[in-house]
Amino acid sequence: MNIVGVSFSYAQDSMGLRGLQLMDHYLNFSDIIEIDLPICNSNKPDGIVPKEVDIFNDRLLNGEMFIFSIPESMGHYSSAFKNAMDWLVINAVFNANTGQDYPISNKPMYIITFTPVYSNAGHRHFDMTRNLLSDKMGCNIQNMFVKNNGWYKILPGNYEFVQKECDIILNTETPKAKNRKLDMISSDNVWANHYDEWNNKWRNK
């Protein structure tokens, strides 16, 4: 199975990335993606995205299972994670039927947060993350984990730190990834027409 890990942090050599590198010892990722996308600056329903987003989308398409390493920031998921999901929506021309037309839809997924704090943090974004990924993007979330005390535990060769979570992932009978239902509305749909009408009113004022 192609397991793809994604580190949703803009920090170079982040704790989340290095945590995934420890997990790779057991999971043998087919790909580990270190997020590097421009800030989402489009609301056009035309599917036009920067090349970095197309590459990101293609790398996700190859995955059959995902491990998303999402930092907690002020009790929320990281801005890099939300930014990436926004780009996937724009890439689907705003017309994807909810939860089926994204490269991560209908596929098993695990969420893990690596944090330097000792306890009582790292999990506060879980409800909103589950809502976004499960309800909006159609992911099949299997489990969510927090790994605390990162400064002392996420160290080169300390694979035992993530062994329990990797064992759970490898020993859980997860549903096979389903094919995406490619029935997005065409680019000349009502949403696109409304956008053009609205935009032209501003251009012609």
N, C-alpha and C. Protein backbone atom coordinates (compact mmCIF):
# COMPACT_ATOMS: atom_id res chain seq x y z
N MET A 1 0.84 -1.19 0.00
CA MET A 1 0.00 0.00 0.00
C MET A 1 0.87 1.24 0.00
N ASN A 2 0.53 2.21 -0.82
CA ASN A 2 1.25 3.48 -0.86
C ASN A 2 0.77 4.37 0.28
N ILE A 3 1.59 4.52 1.30
CA ILE A 3 1.27 5.39 2.43
C ILE A 3 2.02 6.70 2.26
N VAL A 4 1.29 7.80 2.24
CA VAL A 4 1.87 9.12 2.04
C VAL A 4 1.77 9.91 3.33
N GLY A 5 2.89 10.44 3.78
CA GLY A 5 2.92 11.31 4.95
C GLY A 5 3.04 12.76 4.50
N VAL A 6 2.34 13.65 5.20
CA VAL A 6 2.42 15.08 4.88
C VAL A 6 2.66 15.85 6.17
N SER A 7 3.69 16.69 6.15
CA SER A 7 3.98 17.57 7.27
C SER A 7 3.45 18.96 6.96
N PHE A 8 2.43 19.38 7.72
CA PHE A 8 1.80 20.67 7.47
C PHE A 8 2.41 21.77 8.33
N SER A 9 3.67 22.02 8.10
CA SER A 9 4.37 23.10 8.78
C SER A 9 5.29 23.78 7.78
N TYR A 10 5.30 25.11 7.81
CA TYR A 10 6.21 25.84 6.95
C TYR A 10 7.62 25.94 7.55
N ALA A 11 7.76 25.50 8.79
CA ALA A 11 9.07 25.55 9.42
C ALA A 11 10.00 24.51 8.78
N GLN A 12 11.19 24.93 8.47
CA GLN A 12 12.16 24.00 7.89
C GLN A 12 12.57 22.97 8.95
N ASP A 13 12.63 21.71 8.55
CA ASP A 13 13.00 20.62 9.47
C ASP A 13 12.14 20.67 10.74
N SER A 14 10.85 20.74 10.54
CA SER A 14 9.91 20.89 11.65
C SER A 14 9.84 19.62 12.49
N MET A 15 9.27 19.78 13.68
CA MET A 15 9.05 18.65 14.57
C MET A 15 8.13 17.61 13.91
N GLY A 16 7.12 18.12 13.20
CA GLY A 16 6.20 17.21 12.52
C GLY A 16 6.87 16.40 11.44
N LEU A 17 7.75 17.04 10.68
CA LEU A 17 8.48 16.33 9.62
C LEU A 17 9.40 15.27 10.22
N ARG A 18 10.11 15.63 11.26
CA ARG A 18 11.04 14.68 11.86
C ARG A 18 10.30 13.55 12.56
N GLY A 19 9.10 13.84 13.07
CA GLY A 19 8.28 12.77 13.61
C GLY A 19 7.88 11.77 12.54
N LEU A 20 7.50 12.28 11.36
CA LEU A 20 7.17 11.39 10.25
C LEU A 20 8.39 10.57 9.82
N GLN A 21 9.56 11.17 9.88
CA GLN A 21 10.77 10.45 9.50
C GLN A 21 11.03 9.29 10.46
N LEU A 22 10.69 9.47 11.74
CA LEU A 22 10.78 8.34 12.67
C LEU A 22 9.75 7.27 12.32
N MET A 23 8.54 7.68 11.99
CA MET A 23 7.48 6.73 11.63
C MET A 23 7.83 5.95 10.37
N ASP A 24 8.62 6.55 9.50
CA ASP A 24 9.01 5.90 8.25
C ASP A 24 9.76 4.60 8.50
N HIS A 25 10.41 4.50 9.66
CA HIS A 25 11.13 3.28 10.02
C HIS A 25 10.19 2.07 10.02
N TYR A 26 8.94 2.29 10.42
CA TYR A 26 7.95 1.21 10.49
C TYR A 26 6.99 1.20 9.30
N LEU A 27 6.63 2.38 8.84
CA LEU A 27 5.56 2.47 7.84
C LEU A 27 6.07 2.42 6.40
N ASN A 28 7.34 2.72 6.19
CA ASN A 28 7.92 2.69 4.85
C ASN A 28 7.08 3.53 3.88
N PHE A 29 7.01 4.81 4.16
CA PHE A 29 6.23 5.72 3.33
C PHE A 29 6.65 5.64 1.87
N SER A 30 5.67 5.71 0.97
CA SER A 30 6.00 5.84 -0.45
C SER A 30 6.38 7.28 -0.78
N ASP A 31 5.95 8.22 0.07
CA ASP A 31 6.27 9.62 -0.14
C ASP A 31 6.07 10.37 1.18
N ILE A 32 6.97 11.27 1.48
CA ILE A 32 6.79 12.20 2.60
C ILE A 32 6.84 13.61 2.02
N ILE A 33 5.75 14.33 2.17
CA ILE A 33 5.63 15.66 1.58
C ILE A 33 5.88 16.72 2.65
N GLU A 34 6.83 17.57 2.39
CA GLU A 34 7.08 18.73 3.24
C GLU A 34 6.40 19.92 2.58
N ILE A 35 5.35 20.42 3.20
CA ILE A 35 4.47 21.39 2.55
C ILE A 35 5.25 22.66 2.20
N ASP A 36 5.01 23.15 0.99
CA ASP A 36 5.67 24.38 0.54
C ASP A 36 4.78 25.01 -0.53
N LEU A 37 3.63 25.51 -0.11
CA LEU A 37 2.67 26.09 -1.04
C LEU A 37 2.56 27.59 -0.81
N PRO A 38 2.32 28.35 -1.88
CA PRO A 38 2.09 29.79 -1.69
C PRO A 38 0.77 30.02 -0.96
N ILE A 39 0.62 31.19 -0.40
CA ILE A 39 -0.62 31.55 0.27
C ILE A 39 -1.76 31.53 -0.74
N CYS A 40 -2.87 30.93 -0.36
CA CYS A 40 -4.03 30.87 -1.24
C CYS A 40 -4.60 32.27 -1.42
N ASN A 41 -4.59 32.74 -2.67
CA ASN A 41 -4.99 34.12 -2.95
C ASN A 41 -6.02 34.18 -4.08
N SER A 42 -6.78 33.13 -4.27
CA SER A 42 -7.75 33.09 -5.35
C SER A 42 -9.11 32.68 -4.83
N ASN A 43 -10.16 33.28 -5.41
CA ASN A 43 -11.52 32.81 -5.16
C ASN A 43 -12.23 32.55 -6.48
N LYS A 44 -11.43 32.34 -7.54
CA LYS A 44 -11.99 32.12 -8.87
C LYS A 44 -12.34 30.64 -9.07
N PRO A 45 -13.52 30.35 -9.59
CA PRO A 45 -13.94 28.96 -9.83
C PRO A 45 -13.47 28.47 -11.19
N ASP A 46 -12.17 28.66 -11.48
CA ASP A 46 -11.66 28.27 -12.79
C ASP A 46 -10.66 27.12 -12.71
N GLY A 47 -10.33 26.68 -11.50
CA GLY A 47 -9.40 25.56 -11.35
C GLY A 47 -7.95 25.91 -11.64
N ILE A 48 -7.65 27.18 -11.86
CA ILE A 48 -6.28 27.58 -12.16
C ILE A 48 -5.52 27.77 -10.85
N VAL A 49 -4.45 27.01 -10.68
CA VAL A 49 -3.68 27.04 -9.45
C VAL A 49 -2.19 27.10 -9.79
N PRO A 50 -1.35 27.53 -8.85
CA PRO A 50 0.09 27.53 -9.09
C PRO A 50 0.61 26.11 -9.33
N LYS A 51 1.74 26.02 -10.00
CA LYS A 51 2.30 24.71 -10.32
C LYS A 51 2.58 23.90 -9.07
N GLU A 52 2.93 24.58 -7.96
CA GLU A 52 3.20 23.86 -6.71
C GLU A 52 1.97 23.12 -6.22
N VAL A 53 0.80 23.69 -6.46
CA VAL A 53 -0.45 23.05 -6.04
C VAL A 53 -0.74 21.84 -6.92
N ASP A 54 -0.51 21.97 -8.22
CA ASP A 54 -0.70 20.82 -9.11
C ASP A 54 0.22 19.67 -8.72
N ILE A 55 1.46 19.98 -8.38
CA ILE A 55 2.41 18.93 -7.96
C ILE A 55 1.94 18.29 -6.67
N PHE A 56 1.52 19.11 -5.71
CA PHE A 56 0.99 18.60 -4.44
C PHE A 56 -0.20 17.69 -4.68
N ASN A 57 -1.13 18.12 -5.52
CA ASN A 57 -2.31 17.33 -5.84
C ASN A 57 -1.93 15.98 -6.44
N ASP A 58 -0.98 16.00 -7.36
CA ASP A 58 -0.56 14.75 -8.01
C ASP A 58 0.10 13.80 -7.02
N ARG A 59 0.88 14.33 -6.11
CA ARG A 59 1.53 13.46 -5.12
C ARG A 59 0.50 12.84 -4.18
N LEU A 60 -0.54 13.60 -3.86
CA LEU A 60 -1.62 13.04 -3.04
C LEU A 60 -2.38 11.96 -3.79
N LEU A 61 -2.59 12.16 -5.07
CA LEU A 61 -3.33 11.18 -5.87
C LEU A 61 -2.69 9.80 -5.81
N ASN A 62 -1.37 9.74 -5.67
CA ASN A 62 -0.66 8.47 -5.63
C ASN A 62 -0.85 7.73 -4.30
N GLY A 63 -1.36 8.43 -3.29
CA GLY A 63 -1.50 7.82 -1.98
C GLY A 63 -2.74 6.96 -1.87
N GLU A 64 -2.60 5.84 -1.15
CA GLU A 64 -3.74 4.98 -0.82
C GLU A 64 -4.13 5.11 0.65
N MET A 65 -3.22 5.63 1.43
CA MET A 65 -3.46 5.93 2.84
C MET A 65 -2.60 7.14 3.19
N PHE A 66 -3.09 7.97 4.13
CA PHE A 66 -2.37 9.18 4.48
C PHE A 66 -2.12 9.27 5.98
N ILE A 67 -0.95 9.79 6.32
CA ILE A 67 -0.62 10.18 7.68
C ILE A 67 -0.39 11.68 7.63
N PHE A 68 -1.32 12.45 8.17
CA PHE A 68 -1.19 13.90 8.17
C PHE A 68 -0.62 14.35 9.51
N SER A 69 0.55 14.96 9.47
CA SER A 69 1.18 15.52 10.66
C SER A 69 0.80 16.99 10.72
N ILE A 70 -0.14 17.32 11.63
CA ILE A 70 -0.72 18.65 11.69
C ILE A 70 -0.36 19.31 13.02
N PRO A 71 0.41 20.37 13.00
CA PRO A 71 0.74 21.06 14.25
C PRO A 71 -0.50 21.74 14.83
N GLU A 72 -0.53 21.84 16.15
CA GLU A 72 -1.55 22.65 16.80
C GLU A 72 -1.00 24.05 17.00
N SER A 73 -1.77 25.04 16.60
CA SER A 73 -1.35 26.44 16.73
C SER A 73 -2.46 27.23 17.41
N MET A 74 -2.22 27.67 18.64
CA MET A 74 -3.20 28.44 19.40
C MET A 74 -4.53 27.70 19.51
N GLY A 75 -4.45 26.39 19.67
CA GLY A 75 -5.66 25.59 19.83
C GLY A 75 -6.34 25.23 18.52
N HIS A 76 -5.76 25.62 17.40
CA HIS A 76 -6.34 25.33 16.08
C HIS A 76 -5.34 24.53 15.25
N TYR A 77 -5.80 24.03 14.11
CA TYR A 77 -4.85 23.43 13.19
C TYR A 77 -3.99 24.53 12.57
N SER A 78 -2.88 24.13 12.01
CA SER A 78 -1.92 25.09 11.48
C SER A 78 -2.46 25.80 10.24
N SER A 79 -1.95 27.00 10.00
CA SER A 79 -2.34 27.75 8.82
C SER A 79 -1.90 27.03 7.54
N ALA A 80 -0.79 26.32 7.59
CA ALA A 80 -0.31 25.60 6.41
C ALA A 80 -1.29 24.51 6.01
N PHE A 81 -1.90 23.86 6.99
CA PHE A 81 -2.89 22.82 6.70
C PHE A 81 -4.13 23.43 6.04
N LYS A 82 -4.69 24.48 6.64
CA LYS A 82 -5.88 25.12 6.07
C LYS A 82 -5.59 25.67 4.69
N ASN A 83 -4.43 26.26 4.51
CA ASN A 83 -4.04 26.80 3.21
C ASN A 83 -4.01 25.70 2.15
N ALA A 84 -3.46 24.56 2.50
CA ALA A 84 -3.39 23.44 1.55
C ALA A 84 -4.78 22.94 1.17
N MET A 85 -5.67 22.83 2.17
CA MET A 85 -7.03 22.37 1.88
C MET A 85 -7.77 23.38 1.01
N ASP A 86 -7.55 24.68 1.25
CA ASP A 86 -8.17 25.70 0.41
C ASP A 86 -7.73 25.56 -1.05
N TRP A 87 -6.45 25.27 -1.25
CA TRP A 87 -5.97 25.10 -2.62
C TRP A 87 -6.60 23.87 -3.29
N LEU A 88 -6.82 22.80 -2.53
CA LEU A 88 -7.46 21.62 -3.12
C LEU A 88 -8.88 21.94 -3.57
N VAL A 89 -9.57 22.77 -2.80
CA VAL A 89 -10.93 23.17 -3.18
C VAL A 89 -10.90 24.00 -4.47
N ILE A 90 -9.97 24.94 -4.55
CA ILE A 90 -9.87 25.77 -5.75
C ILE A 90 -9.46 24.93 -6.94
N ASN A 91 -8.57 23.98 -6.71
CA ASN A 91 -8.14 23.09 -7.80
C ASN A 91 -9.31 22.28 -8.35
N ALA A 92 -10.31 22.04 -7.51
CA ALA A 92 -11.51 21.32 -7.93
C ALA A 92 -12.59 22.27 -8.43
N VAL A 93 -12.19 23.46 -8.85
CA VAL A 93 -13.03 24.52 -9.40
C VAL A 93 -14.26 24.83 -8.54
N PHE A 94 -14.13 24.66 -7.22
CA PHE A 94 -15.20 24.97 -6.28
C PHE A 94 -16.45 24.13 -6.51
N ASN A 95 -16.34 23.11 -7.36
CA ASN A 95 -17.55 22.39 -7.75
C ASN A 95 -17.53 20.92 -7.37
N ALA A 96 -16.56 20.53 -6.57
CA ALA A 96 -16.53 19.14 -6.15
C ALA A 96 -17.74 18.85 -5.28
N ASN A 97 -18.43 17.76 -5.59
CA ASN A 97 -19.46 17.32 -4.67
C ASN A 97 -18.79 17.04 -3.34
N THR A 98 -19.39 17.50 -2.26
CA THR A 98 -18.74 17.46 -0.96
C THR A 98 -18.21 16.06 -0.65
N GLY A 99 -16.92 15.99 -0.41
CA GLY A 99 -16.32 14.77 0.08
C GLY A 99 -16.11 13.66 -0.91
N GLN A 100 -15.96 13.97 -2.18
CA GLN A 100 -15.71 12.86 -3.09
C GLN A 100 -14.74 13.17 -4.21
N ASP A 101 -14.46 14.41 -4.48
CA ASP A 101 -13.70 14.74 -5.68
C ASP A 101 -12.29 15.28 -5.41
N TYR A 102 -11.78 15.05 -4.23
CA TYR A 102 -10.44 15.51 -3.90
C TYR A 102 -9.47 14.32 -3.92
N PRO A 103 -8.17 14.55 -4.05
CA PRO A 103 -7.23 13.43 -4.11
C PRO A 103 -7.14 12.63 -2.82
N ILE A 104 -7.70 13.17 -1.73
CA ILE A 104 -7.69 12.46 -0.44
C ILE A 104 -9.05 11.87 -0.08
N SER A 105 -10.04 12.09 -0.93
CA SER A 105 -11.39 11.62 -0.62
C SER A 105 -11.48 10.10 -0.66
N ASN A 106 -12.30 9.56 0.23
CA ASN A 106 -12.60 8.12 0.27
C ASN A 106 -11.37 7.26 0.53
N LYS A 107 -10.39 7.83 1.19
CA LYS A 107 -9.17 7.09 1.50
C LYS A 107 -8.92 7.13 3.01
N PRO A 108 -8.36 6.05 3.58
CA PRO A 108 -8.07 6.03 5.02
C PRO A 108 -6.98 7.03 5.38
N MET A 109 -7.15 7.63 6.57
CA MET A 109 -6.23 8.67 7.00
C MET A 109 -6.05 8.63 8.51
N TYR A 110 -4.84 8.93 8.94
CA TYR A 110 -4.51 9.08 10.36
C TYR A 110 -3.95 10.48 10.56
N ILE A 111 -4.32 11.08 11.69
CA ILE A 111 -3.83 12.42 12.05
C ILE A 111 -2.91 12.27 13.25
N ILE A 112 -1.76 12.94 13.19
CA ILE A 112 -0.85 12.92 14.33
C ILE A 112 -0.31 14.33 14.55
N THR A 113 -0.25 14.73 15.80
CA THR A 113 0.32 16.02 16.17
C THR A 113 1.51 15.80 17.09
N PHE A 114 2.66 16.29 16.68
CA PHE A 114 3.87 16.25 17.48
C PHE A 114 4.02 17.62 18.14
N THR A 115 4.24 17.63 19.46
CA THR A 115 4.31 18.90 20.17
C THR A 115 5.38 18.83 21.25
N PRO A 116 6.03 19.94 21.54
CA PRO A 116 7.06 19.94 22.58
C PRO A 116 6.51 19.95 24.00
N VAL A 117 5.23 20.29 24.17
CA VAL A 117 4.68 20.40 25.53
C VAL A 117 4.50 19.02 26.12
N TYR A 118 4.43 18.97 27.46
CA TYR A 118 4.38 17.69 28.15
C TYR A 118 3.01 17.03 28.05
N SER A 119 1.93 17.81 28.21
CA SER A 119 0.58 17.21 28.20
C SER A 119 -0.46 18.30 28.03
N ASN A 120 -1.71 17.88 27.89
CA ASN A 120 -2.87 18.78 27.81
C ASN A 120 -2.80 19.75 26.64
N ALA A 121 -2.18 19.36 25.59
CA ALA A 121 -2.15 20.16 24.37
C ALA A 121 -1.86 19.25 23.20
N GLY A 122 -2.19 19.76 22.04
CA GLY A 122 -1.96 18.99 20.82
C GLY A 122 -3.22 18.41 20.24
N HIS A 123 -4.25 18.22 21.08
CA HIS A 123 -5.49 17.57 20.64
C HIS A 123 -6.63 18.56 20.41
N ARG A 124 -6.41 19.83 20.74
CA ARG A 124 -7.53 20.78 20.74
C ARG A 124 -8.06 21.07 19.35
N HIS A 125 -7.28 20.82 18.32
CA HIS A 125 -7.75 21.04 16.96
C HIS A 125 -8.48 19.84 16.37
N PHE A 126 -8.54 18.74 17.11
CA PHE A 126 -9.03 17.50 16.53
C PHE A 126 -10.48 17.59 16.01
N ASP A 127 -11.36 18.23 16.77
CA ASP A 127 -12.76 18.30 16.34
C ASP A 127 -12.89 19.06 15.02
N MET A 128 -12.23 20.22 14.92
CA MET A 128 -12.34 20.99 13.69
C MET A 128 -11.60 20.32 12.54
N THR A 129 -10.51 19.63 12.85
CA THR A 129 -9.78 18.91 11.80
C THR A 129 -10.62 17.76 11.27
N ARG A 130 -11.26 17.03 12.16
CA ARG A 130 -12.12 15.93 11.74
C ARG A 130 -13.28 16.45 10.90
N ASN A 131 -13.86 17.57 11.32
CA ASN A 131 -14.98 18.14 10.57
C ASN A 131 -14.55 18.51 9.16
N LEU A 132 -13.40 19.16 9.03
CA LEU A 132 -12.94 19.58 7.71
C LEU A 132 -12.61 18.38 6.83
N LEU A 133 -11.84 17.45 7.37
CA LEU A 133 -11.36 16.34 6.54
C LEU A 133 -12.44 15.30 6.29
N SER A 134 -13.20 14.98 7.30
CA SER A 134 -14.21 13.94 7.16
C SER A 134 -15.47 14.45 6.48
N ASP A 135 -16.03 15.53 7.02
CA ASP A 135 -17.31 16.02 6.51
C ASP A 135 -17.19 16.78 5.21
N LYS A 136 -16.12 17.55 5.07
CA LYS A 136 -15.98 18.41 3.89
C LYS A 136 -15.18 17.75 2.76
N MET A 137 -14.10 17.05 3.14
CA MET A 137 -13.21 16.48 2.12
C MET A 137 -13.44 14.99 1.89
N GLY A 138 -14.26 14.37 2.72
CA GLY A 138 -14.61 12.98 2.50
C GLY A 138 -13.54 11.97 2.87
N CYS A 139 -12.64 12.33 3.79
CA CYS A 139 -11.59 11.39 4.21
C CYS A 139 -12.15 10.39 5.23
N ASN A 140 -11.57 9.23 5.22
CA ASN A 140 -11.97 8.18 6.16
C ASN A 140 -10.97 8.16 7.32
N ILE A 141 -11.22 9.01 8.31
CA ILE A 141 -10.27 9.14 9.42
C ILE A 141 -10.37 7.92 10.33
N GLN A 142 -9.23 7.25 10.50
CA GLN A 142 -9.17 6.03 11.30
C GLN A 142 -8.83 6.29 12.75
N ASN A 143 -7.93 7.25 12.99
CA ASN A 143 -7.48 7.51 14.36
C ASN A 143 -6.73 8.84 14.38
N MET A 144 -6.61 9.40 15.60
CA MET A 144 -5.89 10.65 15.77
C MET A 144 -5.00 10.52 17.00
N PHE A 145 -3.76 10.95 16.87
CA PHE A 145 -2.77 10.77 17.92
C PHE A 145 -2.10 12.09 18.29
N VAL A 146 -1.67 12.18 19.55
CA VAL A 146 -0.81 13.29 19.99
C VAL A 146 0.45 12.69 20.59
N LYS A 147 1.59 13.24 20.20
CA LYS A 147 2.87 12.83 20.77
C LYS A 147 3.50 14.05 21.43
N ASN A 148 3.54 14.03 22.76
CA ASN A 148 4.06 15.14 23.54
C ASN A 148 5.56 15.00 23.81
N ASN A 149 6.11 16.04 24.44
CA ASN A 149 7.49 16.02 24.93
C ASN A 149 8.50 15.88 23.78
N GLY A 150 8.19 16.57 22.69
CA GLY A 150 8.96 16.40 21.47
C GLY A 150 10.43 16.76 21.55
N TRP A 151 10.77 17.80 22.35
CA TRP A 151 12.18 18.19 22.42
C TRP A 151 13.05 17.06 22.96
N TYR A 152 12.48 16.20 23.78
CA TYR A 152 13.26 15.14 24.42
C TYR A 152 13.05 13.77 23.77
N LYS A 153 11.98 13.64 22.97
CA LYS A 153 11.65 12.33 22.44
C LYS A 153 11.85 12.19 20.93
N ILE A 154 11.67 13.29 20.19
CA ILE A 154 11.85 13.22 18.74
C ILE A 154 13.32 13.42 18.44
N LEU A 155 14.05 12.33 18.53
CA LEU A 155 15.50 12.34 18.38
C LEU A 155 15.91 11.31 17.34
N PRO A 156 17.04 11.52 16.68
CA PRO A 156 17.49 10.56 15.67
C PRO A 156 17.56 9.14 16.24
N GLY A 157 16.92 8.21 15.55
CA GLY A 157 16.98 6.81 15.94
C GLY A 157 16.02 6.41 17.04
N ASN A 158 15.27 7.34 17.62
CA ASN A 158 14.34 6.99 18.70
C ASN A 158 13.01 6.52 18.11
N TYR A 159 13.08 5.43 17.37
CA TYR A 159 11.90 4.92 16.69
C TYR A 159 10.83 4.42 17.66
N GLU A 160 11.27 4.00 18.86
CA GLU A 160 10.32 3.48 19.84
C GLU A 160 9.28 4.53 20.24
N PHE A 161 9.61 5.78 20.08
CA PHE A 161 8.69 6.86 20.44
C PHE A 161 7.40 6.80 19.63
N VAL A 162 7.48 6.33 18.40
CA VAL A 162 6.29 6.27 17.53
C VAL A 162 5.87 4.84 17.23
N GLN A 163 6.48 3.87 17.89
CA GLN A 163 6.19 2.47 17.58
C GLN A 163 4.74 2.10 17.86
N LYS A 164 4.21 2.55 18.99
CA LYS A 164 2.84 2.21 19.36
C LYS A 164 1.86 2.67 18.29
N GLU A 165 1.98 3.91 17.86
CA GLU A 165 1.07 4.45 16.85
C GLU A 165 1.24 3.74 15.52
N CYS A 166 2.47 3.43 15.15
CA CYS A 166 2.71 2.71 13.90
C CYS A 166 2.13 1.30 13.95
N ASP A 167 2.24 0.65 15.11
CA ASP A 167 1.65 -0.68 15.26
C ASP A 167 0.13 -0.62 15.08
N ILE A 168 -0.48 0.41 15.66
CA ILE A 168 -1.93 0.57 15.50
C ILE A 168 -2.29 0.75 14.03
N ILE A 169 -1.53 1.59 13.34
CA ILE A 169 -1.79 1.84 11.92
C ILE A 169 -1.64 0.56 11.11
N LEU A 170 -0.56 -0.17 11.36
CA LEU A 170 -0.28 -1.36 10.56
C LEU A 170 -1.20 -2.52 10.87
N ASN A 171 -1.76 -2.54 12.08
CA ASN A 171 -2.58 -3.67 12.50
C ASN A 171 -4.07 -3.38 12.48
N THR A 172 -4.45 -2.20 12.03
CA THR A 172 -5.86 -1.87 11.88
C THR A 172 -6.32 -2.27 10.49
N GLU A 173 -7.43 -2.97 10.46
CA GLU A 173 -7.99 -3.36 9.17
C GLU A 173 -8.70 -2.16 8.58
N THR A 174 -8.02 -1.47 7.69
CA THR A 174 -8.58 -0.26 7.11
C THR A 174 -9.26 -0.57 5.79
N PRO A 175 -10.34 0.14 5.50
CA PRO A 175 -11.02 -0.08 4.21
C PRO A 175 -10.12 0.31 3.06
N LYS A 176 -10.24 -0.41 1.99
CA LYS A 176 -9.45 -0.11 0.81
C LYS A 176 -9.87 1.23 0.23
N ALA A 177 -8.90 1.98 -0.24
CA ALA A 177 -9.22 3.27 -0.85
C ALA A 177 -10.13 3.08 -2.04
N LYS A 178 -11.14 3.93 -2.11
CA LYS A 178 -12.09 3.86 -3.21
C LYS A 178 -11.68 4.83 -4.31
N ASN A 179 -12.10 4.52 -5.52
CA ASN A 179 -11.85 5.43 -6.62
C ASN A 179 -12.67 6.69 -6.46
N ARG A 180 -12.11 7.80 -6.87
CA ARG A 180 -12.84 9.06 -6.80
C ARG A 180 -13.97 9.05 -7.82
N LYS A 181 -15.06 9.69 -7.44
CA LYS A 181 -16.18 9.85 -8.35
C LYS A 181 -15.99 11.15 -9.11
N LEU A 182 -15.57 11.03 -10.33
CA LEU A 182 -15.21 12.21 -11.09
C LEU A 182 -16.44 12.80 -11.78
N ASP A 183 -17.34 13.34 -10.99
CA ASP A 183 -18.55 13.92 -11.55
C ASP A 183 -18.71 15.38 -11.14
N MET A 184 -17.59 16.09 -11.18
CA MET A 184 -17.64 17.51 -10.86
C MET A 184 -18.46 18.23 -11.92
N ILE A 185 -19.08 19.31 -11.51
CA ILE A 185 -19.85 20.13 -12.41
C ILE A 185 -18.89 20.80 -13.39
N SER A 186 -19.33 21.03 -14.61
CA SER A 186 -18.45 21.59 -15.62
C SER A 186 -18.09 23.03 -15.28
N SER A 187 -17.05 23.52 -15.96
CA SER A 187 -16.52 24.84 -15.64
C SER A 187 -17.48 25.97 -16.01
N ASP A 188 -18.52 25.68 -16.81
CA ASP A 188 -19.48 26.74 -17.17
C ASP A 188 -20.73 26.66 -16.29
N ASN A 189 -20.54 26.20 -15.07
CA ASN A 189 -21.67 26.02 -14.16
C ASN A 189 -22.16 27.36 -13.63
N VAL A 190 -23.23 27.29 -12.84
CA VAL A 190 -23.85 28.49 -12.31
C VAL A 190 -22.88 29.30 -11.45
N TRP A 191 -22.08 28.60 -10.62
CA TRP A 191 -21.14 29.30 -9.75
C TRP A 191 -20.20 30.18 -10.58
N ALA A 192 -19.63 29.59 -11.63
CA ALA A 192 -18.71 30.34 -12.47
C ALA A 192 -19.41 31.51 -13.15
N ASN A 193 -20.64 31.31 -13.61
CA ASN A 193 -21.39 32.39 -14.25
C ASN A 193 -21.63 33.53 -13.27
N HIS A 194 -22.02 33.20 -12.07
CA HIS A 194 -22.26 34.22 -11.06
C HIS A 194 -20.98 34.99 -10.74
N TYR A 195 -19.87 34.27 -10.67
CA TYR A 195 -18.60 34.94 -10.38
C TYR A 195 -18.28 35.95 -11.47
N ASP A 196 -18.40 35.54 -12.73
CA ASP A 196 -18.08 36.44 -13.84
C ASP A 196 -19.01 37.66 -13.84
N GLU A 197 -20.29 37.44 -13.58
CA GLU A 197 -21.23 38.56 -13.54
C GLU A 197 -20.86 39.53 -12.43
N TRP A 198 -20.56 39.00 -11.27
CA TRP A 198 -20.19 39.83 -10.12
C TRP A 198 -18.90 40.59 -10.39
N ASN A 199 -17.90 39.89 -10.94
CA ASN A 199 -16.60 40.51 -11.19
C ASN A 199 -16.71 41.61 -12.25
N ASN A 200 -17.52 41.39 -13.27
CA ASN A 200 -17.67 42.37 -14.33
C ASN A 200 -18.35 43.65 -13.83
N LYS A 201 -19.23 43.52 -12.86
CA LYS A 201 -19.87 44.72 -12.30
C LYS A 201 -18.84 45.63 -11.67
N TRP A 202 -17.82 45.06 -11.04
CA TRP A 202 -16.77 45.87 -10.44
C TRP A 202 -15.84 46.43 -11.51
N ARG A 203 -15.56 45.62 -12.50
CA ARG A 203 -14.64 46.10 -13.57
C ARG A 203 -15.25 47.20 -14.41
N ASN A 204 -16.59 47.18 -14.56
CA ASN A 204 -17.26 48.12 -15.45
C ASN A 204 -17.90 49.30 -14.74
N LYS A 205 -17.63 49.42 -13.44
CA LYS A 205 -18.29 50.50 -12.71
C LYS A 205 -17.69 51.87 -13.07
